[in-house]
Each structure stands twice: as C-alpha cells, then as structure tokens.
C-alpha cells in the first residue's frame, strides 16, 4: 500500500475502504458458517 504525504485525507479514505472491504468479507464468511451450522442441525434432527 502506498501512502501519499501530500494528501492525508486520501490515506484515511484508503484505510476506511479496506476496513469496509474486509468487514464485508467477514460477515459473508459468518453467514456461510451459520448456514452450514443450520444444515448440520437439520440433518441430525
């Protein structure tokens, strides 16, 4: 990741965008895990 010293606002935006991106990735993973968990419960019942 390259930071420009001239524009600190752009750096903050980049960091925030990365957090949003990885945050979404994590929620998608959690939802997949929940679905798997529900499927296993359904099979065992």
N, C-alpha and C. Protein backbone atom coordinates (compact mmCIF):
# COMPACT_ATOMS: atom_id res chain seq x y z
N UNK A 1 0.84 -1.20 0.00
CA UNK A 1 0.00 0.00 0.00
C UNK A 1 0.87 1.24 0.00
N UNK A 2 0.61 2.15 -0.89
CA UNK A 2 1.42 3.36 -0.97
C UNK A 2 0.67 4.54 -0.38
N UNK A 3 1.34 5.28 0.47
CA UNK A 3 0.74 6.46 1.09
C UNK A 3 1.31 7.72 0.46
N UNK A 4 0.44 8.66 0.16
CA UNK A 4 0.92 9.94 -0.35
C UNK A 4 0.97 10.92 0.82
N UNK A 5 2.11 11.58 0.98
CA UNK A 5 2.26 12.50 2.11
C UNK A 5 1.51 13.80 1.85
N UNK A 6 1.23 14.07 0.57
CA UNK A 6 0.58 15.34 0.24
C UNK A 6 -0.90 15.34 0.61
N UNK A 7 -1.52 14.16 0.56
CA UNK A 7 -2.96 14.11 0.77
C UNK A 7 -3.33 13.13 1.88
N UNK A 8 -3.31 13.56 3.14
CA UNK A 8 -3.64 12.65 4.24
C UNK A 8 -5.08 12.16 4.20
N UNK A 9 -5.98 12.99 3.64
CA UNK A 9 -7.38 12.58 3.56
C UNK A 9 -7.54 11.34 2.69
N UNK A 10 -6.79 11.27 1.61
CA UNK A 10 -6.85 10.12 0.71
C UNK A 10 -6.39 8.86 1.45
N UNK A 11 -5.36 9.01 2.29
CA UNK A 11 -4.87 7.86 3.05
C UNK A 11 -5.95 7.33 3.99
N UNK A 12 -6.64 8.24 4.67
CA UNK A 12 -7.71 7.84 5.59
C UNK A 12 -8.80 7.12 4.81
N UNK A 13 -9.14 7.64 3.64
CA UNK A 13 -10.16 7.01 2.81
C UNK A 13 -9.75 5.59 2.42
N UNK A 14 -8.49 5.43 2.02
CA UNK A 14 -7.99 4.11 1.64
C UNK A 14 -8.13 3.13 2.79
N UNK A 15 -7.73 3.57 3.97
CA UNK A 15 -7.80 2.70 5.15
C UNK A 15 -9.25 2.33 5.44
N UNK A 16 -10.15 3.32 5.38
CA UNK A 16 -11.56 3.05 5.66
C UNK A 16 -12.13 2.09 4.63
N UNK A 17 -11.77 2.26 3.37
CA UNK A 17 -12.26 1.36 2.32
C UNK A 17 -11.79 -0.06 2.59
N UNK A 18 -10.56 -0.22 3.03
CA UNK A 18 -10.05 -1.56 3.32
C UNK A 18 -10.83 -2.19 4.47
N UNK A 19 -11.13 -1.38 5.50
CA UNK A 19 -11.91 -1.91 6.63
C UNK A 19 -13.28 -2.37 6.16
N UNK A 20 -13.93 -1.55 5.31
CA UNK A 20 -15.25 -1.90 4.81
C UNK A 20 -15.17 -3.20 4.00
N UNK A 21 -14.15 -3.29 3.15
CA UNK A 21 -13.99 -4.47 2.30
C UNK A 21 -13.81 -5.74 3.13
N UNK A 22 -12.87 -5.68 4.09
CA UNK A 22 -12.62 -6.87 4.90
C UNK A 22 -13.78 -7.14 5.85
N UNK A 23 -14.45 -6.09 6.30
CA UNK A 23 -15.63 -6.27 7.15
C UNK A 23 -16.71 -7.04 6.42
N UNK A 24 -16.95 -6.68 5.17
CA UNK A 24 -17.95 -7.38 4.37
C UNK A 24 -17.54 -8.83 4.15
N UNK A 25 -16.27 -9.06 3.90
CA UNK A 25 -15.78 -10.42 3.71
C UNK A 25 -16.07 -11.25 4.95
N UNK A 26 -15.82 -10.67 6.13
CA UNK A 26 -16.03 -11.40 7.37
C UNK A 26 -17.51 -11.72 7.57
N UNK A 27 -18.40 -10.77 7.29
CA UNK A 27 -19.82 -11.04 7.51
C UNK A 27 -20.30 -12.12 6.56
N UNK A 28 -19.77 -12.14 5.34
CA UNK A 28 -20.16 -13.18 4.39
C UNK A 28 -19.70 -14.54 4.91
N UNK A 29 -18.49 -14.60 5.44
CA UNK A 29 -17.98 -15.86 6.00
C UNK A 29 -18.84 -16.31 7.16
N UNK A 30 -19.22 -15.37 8.04
CA UNK A 30 -20.04 -15.72 9.19
C UNK A 30 -21.39 -16.26 8.76
N UNK A 31 -21.98 -15.63 7.74
CA UNK A 31 -23.27 -16.10 7.24
C UNK A 31 -23.16 -17.50 6.67
N UNK A 32 -22.07 -17.77 5.95
CA UNK A 32 -21.86 -19.11 5.39
C UNK A 32 -21.74 -20.12 6.52
N UNK A 33 -21.01 -19.76 7.57
CA UNK A 33 -20.85 -20.67 8.71
C UNK A 33 -22.19 -20.93 9.37
N UNK A 34 -23.01 -19.88 9.51
CA UNK A 34 -24.33 -20.05 10.11
C UNK A 34 -25.18 -20.99 9.28
N UNK A 35 -25.12 -20.84 7.96
CA UNK A 35 -25.90 -21.71 7.07
C UNK A 35 -25.44 -23.16 7.22
N UNK A 36 -24.13 -23.37 7.28
CA UNK A 36 -23.59 -24.72 7.44
C UNK A 36 -24.07 -25.31 8.76
N UNK A 37 -24.04 -24.51 9.81
CA UNK A 37 -24.46 -24.94 11.14
C UNK A 37 -25.93 -25.35 11.11
N UNK A 38 -26.76 -24.54 10.47
CA UNK A 38 -28.18 -24.83 10.36
C UNK A 38 -28.41 -26.12 9.57
N UNK A 39 -27.63 -26.30 8.51
CA UNK A 39 -27.77 -27.50 7.68
C UNK A 39 -27.41 -28.75 8.49
N UNK A 40 -26.36 -28.66 9.30
CA UNK A 40 -25.96 -29.79 10.13
C UNK A 40 -27.04 -30.12 11.15
N UNK A 41 -27.61 -29.10 11.77
CA UNK A 41 -28.69 -29.30 12.74
C UNK A 41 -29.85 -30.02 12.07
N UNK A 42 -30.17 -29.56 10.87
CA UNK A 42 -31.31 -30.11 10.13
C UNK A 42 -31.07 -31.60 9.83
N UNK A 43 -29.84 -31.94 9.48
CA UNK A 43 -29.51 -33.32 9.14
C UNK A 43 -29.58 -34.22 10.37
N UNK A 44 -29.13 -33.70 11.49
CA UNK A 44 -29.07 -34.52 12.71
C UNK A 44 -30.46 -34.73 13.31
N UNK A 45 -31.36 -33.80 13.11
CA UNK A 45 -32.69 -33.87 13.73
C UNK A 45 -33.50 -35.05 13.17
